[in-house]
Protein backbone atom coordinates (compact mmCIF):
# COMPACT_ATOMS: atom_id res chain seq x y z
CA MET A 1 -54.82 171.18 108.05
CA ASN A 2 -55.78 167.51 108.04
CA ALA A 3 -53.77 164.82 109.81
CA CYS A 4 -50.02 164.61 109.21
CA TRP A 5 -48.11 161.35 109.07
CA ILE A 6 -44.57 160.05 108.90
CA ALA A 7 -44.02 156.84 106.97
CA VAL A 8 -40.75 154.94 107.03
CA ALA A 9 -39.26 153.36 103.91
CA SER A 10 -35.87 152.91 102.32
CA ARG A 11 -34.93 155.62 99.83
CA ASP A 12 -35.20 153.26 96.86
CA HIS A 13 -38.80 152.40 97.86
CA VAL A 14 -39.60 156.09 98.36
CA ARG A 15 -38.29 156.90 94.88
CA ALA A 16 -40.58 154.24 93.41
CA ALA A 17 -43.54 155.66 95.35
CA VAL A 18 -42.82 159.21 94.16
CA ALA A 19 -42.41 158.05 90.55
CA GLY A 20 -45.71 156.13 90.76
CA GLY A 21 -47.60 158.75 92.79
CA PHE A 22 -48.60 156.40 95.61
CA ALA A 23 -48.09 155.54 99.26
CA GLN A 24 -47.53 151.94 100.28
CA LEU A 25 -47.11 151.27 104.00
CA HIS A 26 -46.05 148.23 106.00
CA HIS A 27 -45.26 146.26 102.84
CA GLY A 28 -48.67 147.09 101.39
CA LYS A 29 -50.92 146.17 104.31
CA ARG A 30 -54.35 147.66 103.78
CA VAL A 31 -54.97 148.44 107.45
CA ALA A 32 -52.06 150.92 107.53
CA LEU A 33 -53.39 152.78 104.49
CA ASP A 34 -56.91 152.91 105.91
CA ARG A 35 -55.63 155.36 108.52
CA LEU A 36 -54.73 157.88 105.81
CA LYS A 37 -57.59 160.12 104.71
CA PRO A 38 -57.95 162.38 101.66
CA PHE A 39 -55.92 165.58 101.98
CA ASP A 40 -53.81 164.26 104.88
CA ARG A 41 -50.12 165.11 104.59
CA ILE A 42 -47.45 162.42 104.49
CA VAL A 43 -43.69 162.69 104.93
CA TYR A 44 -41.37 159.79 104.18
CA TYR A 45 -38.34 159.16 106.38
CA SER A 46 -35.62 156.92 104.95
CA PRO A 47 -33.21 155.31 107.41
CA ARG A 48 -31.23 153.57 104.64
CA GLU A 49 -30.69 153.55 100.90
CA ARG A 50 -32.16 150.05 100.48
CA MET A 51 -34.40 147.91 102.68
CA GLY A 52 -32.32 145.88 105.13
CA ASP A 53 -28.96 147.19 104.00
CA GLY A 54 -27.30 149.93 102.06
CA GLN A 55 -25.78 153.18 103.17
CA PRO A 56 -27.45 155.13 105.97
CA VAL A 57 -29.64 158.01 104.76
CA ARG A 58 -31.37 159.23 107.98
CA ALA A 59 -33.35 161.91 106.18
CA PHE A 60 -36.85 162.94 105.22
CA THR A 61 -36.95 162.05 101.53
CA ALA A 62 -40.46 162.84 100.20
CA ILE A 63 -43.50 164.87 101.19
CA GLY A 64 -46.99 165.07 99.75
CA GLU A 65 -50.76 165.10 100.08
CA VAL A 66 -53.03 162.05 100.07
CA LEU A 67 -55.43 162.12 97.11
CA ASP A 68 -59.19 161.81 97.35
CA ALA A 69 -59.24 158.39 95.69
CA PRO A 70 -59.84 154.82 96.87
CA LEU A 71 -57.14 152.33 97.76
CA TYR A 72 -56.01 150.16 94.89
CA PRO A 73 -53.99 146.97 94.53
CA GLY A 74 -50.36 147.24 93.47
CA GLU A 75 -48.44 144.60 91.55
CA ARG A 76 -48.59 141.21 93.23
CA VAL A 77 -45.23 140.02 94.58
CA GLY A 78 -45.36 136.27 95.16
CA ASN A 79 -48.21 135.66 97.61
CA LEU A 80 -48.25 139.32 98.70
CA GLN A 81 -50.98 141.60 97.34
CA PRO A 82 -49.92 145.12 98.35
CA PHE A 83 -52.35 148.01 98.52
CA ARG A 84 -51.62 151.61 97.62
CA ARG A 85 -53.17 155.03 98.00
CA GLY A 86 -52.60 157.90 95.58
CA VAL A 87 -50.38 160.77 96.71
CA ARG A 88 -49.52 164.08 95.06
CA PHE A 89 -45.88 164.55 95.98
CA PHE A 90 -44.48 168.04 96.33
CA GLN A 91 -41.23 169.28 94.90
CA SER A 92 -38.73 169.01 97.76
CA GLN A 93 -35.22 168.07 98.76
CA ASP A 94 -33.92 165.63 101.33
CA ALA A 95 -33.67 166.97 104.88
CA PRO A 96 -31.30 165.14 107.26
CA ILE A 97 -32.99 164.47 110.60
CA GLU A 98 -29.91 165.34 112.68
CA ALA A 99 -30.46 169.06 112.06
CA LEU A 100 -34.09 168.79 113.26
CA LEU A 101 -33.79 166.59 116.36
CA GLY A 102 -34.09 169.53 118.77
CA GLU A 103 -37.06 171.04 116.92
CA LEU A 104 -39.39 168.07 116.55
CA SER A 105 -41.70 167.19 119.44
CA PHE A 106 -41.27 163.45 118.87
CA THR A 107 -37.44 163.59 119.01
CA HIS A 108 -36.61 166.58 121.23
CA GLY A 109 -34.68 165.53 124.33
CA ARG A 110 -34.87 161.83 123.52
CA THR A 111 -31.69 159.81 123.28
CA GLN A 112 -33.60 156.89 121.71
CA TRP A 113 -35.47 159.01 119.14
CA GLY A 114 -35.10 156.32 116.47
CA MET A 115 -37.54 154.03 118.29
CA MET A 116 -40.48 156.12 116.99
CA PHE A 117 -39.59 155.17 113.44
CA ARG A 118 -39.80 151.45 114.16
CA ARG A 119 -43.58 151.82 114.09
CA GLY A 120 -43.39 152.22 110.30
CA VAL A 121 -46.02 154.96 110.27
CA PHE A 122 -47.12 157.41 112.94
CA ARG A 123 -49.08 160.63 113.26
CA ILE A 124 -47.35 163.95 113.95
CA GLY A 125 -48.61 167.39 114.83
CA ALA A 126 -49.03 170.25 112.38
CA GLN A 127 -46.07 172.15 113.85
CA ASP A 128 -43.74 169.18 113.35
CA TYR A 129 -45.02 168.89 109.78
CA ARG A 130 -44.30 172.58 109.15
CA VAL A 131 -40.75 172.23 110.52
CA ILE A 132 -40.06 169.24 108.26
CA ALA A 133 -41.69 170.84 105.21
CA ALA A 134 -39.58 173.98 105.68
CA ALA A 135 -36.38 171.93 106.04
CA MET A 136 -37.29 170.04 102.85
CA LYS A 137 -38.03 173.34 101.06
CA ALA A 138 -41.31 171.76 100.00
CA VAL A 139 -43.29 173.53 97.29
CA GLU A 140 -46.93 172.64 97.94
C-alpha cells in the first residue's frame, strides 16, 4: 500500500470535496498537495460541521484514493487561488473517533490526542488506515 494520510476539514468542506472528487488541503496551498502521490490513501477527519463554528462532529467523514493526475486550480476565492488533486472517494459512513482512540497509534494513551489534527494533514501507518477504513465500512 502507498502512503496513507489524514486531512482535517469541516464536514461541509468534505462534502464539497467528495461531490467534486478532489482533495484540497490547507485552504488550497499547493505545497500540502505536493506531498500526496498517486494511489496514496486519504482519510478526512471533521472536527466540526462548518469551519470555525457549527456543531462538533469529531469523526472520520470520507476516505479515498489519490488519482494519477496532476494538480489543478480550483475556483478563485478573492485573492486566493486554491489547488486541488483528484481523489476517487470510496463508499463509506462516518466513524466517530471516540470509539477508535485506543486502537490508533497516533491517539492511543494520549490525553491531548487532538493536537495531531491541528497539523491539518499528517501521514499515518497502514495499520491505522485499516482500522479507520474498517470503522467507516469503506468499500474500496
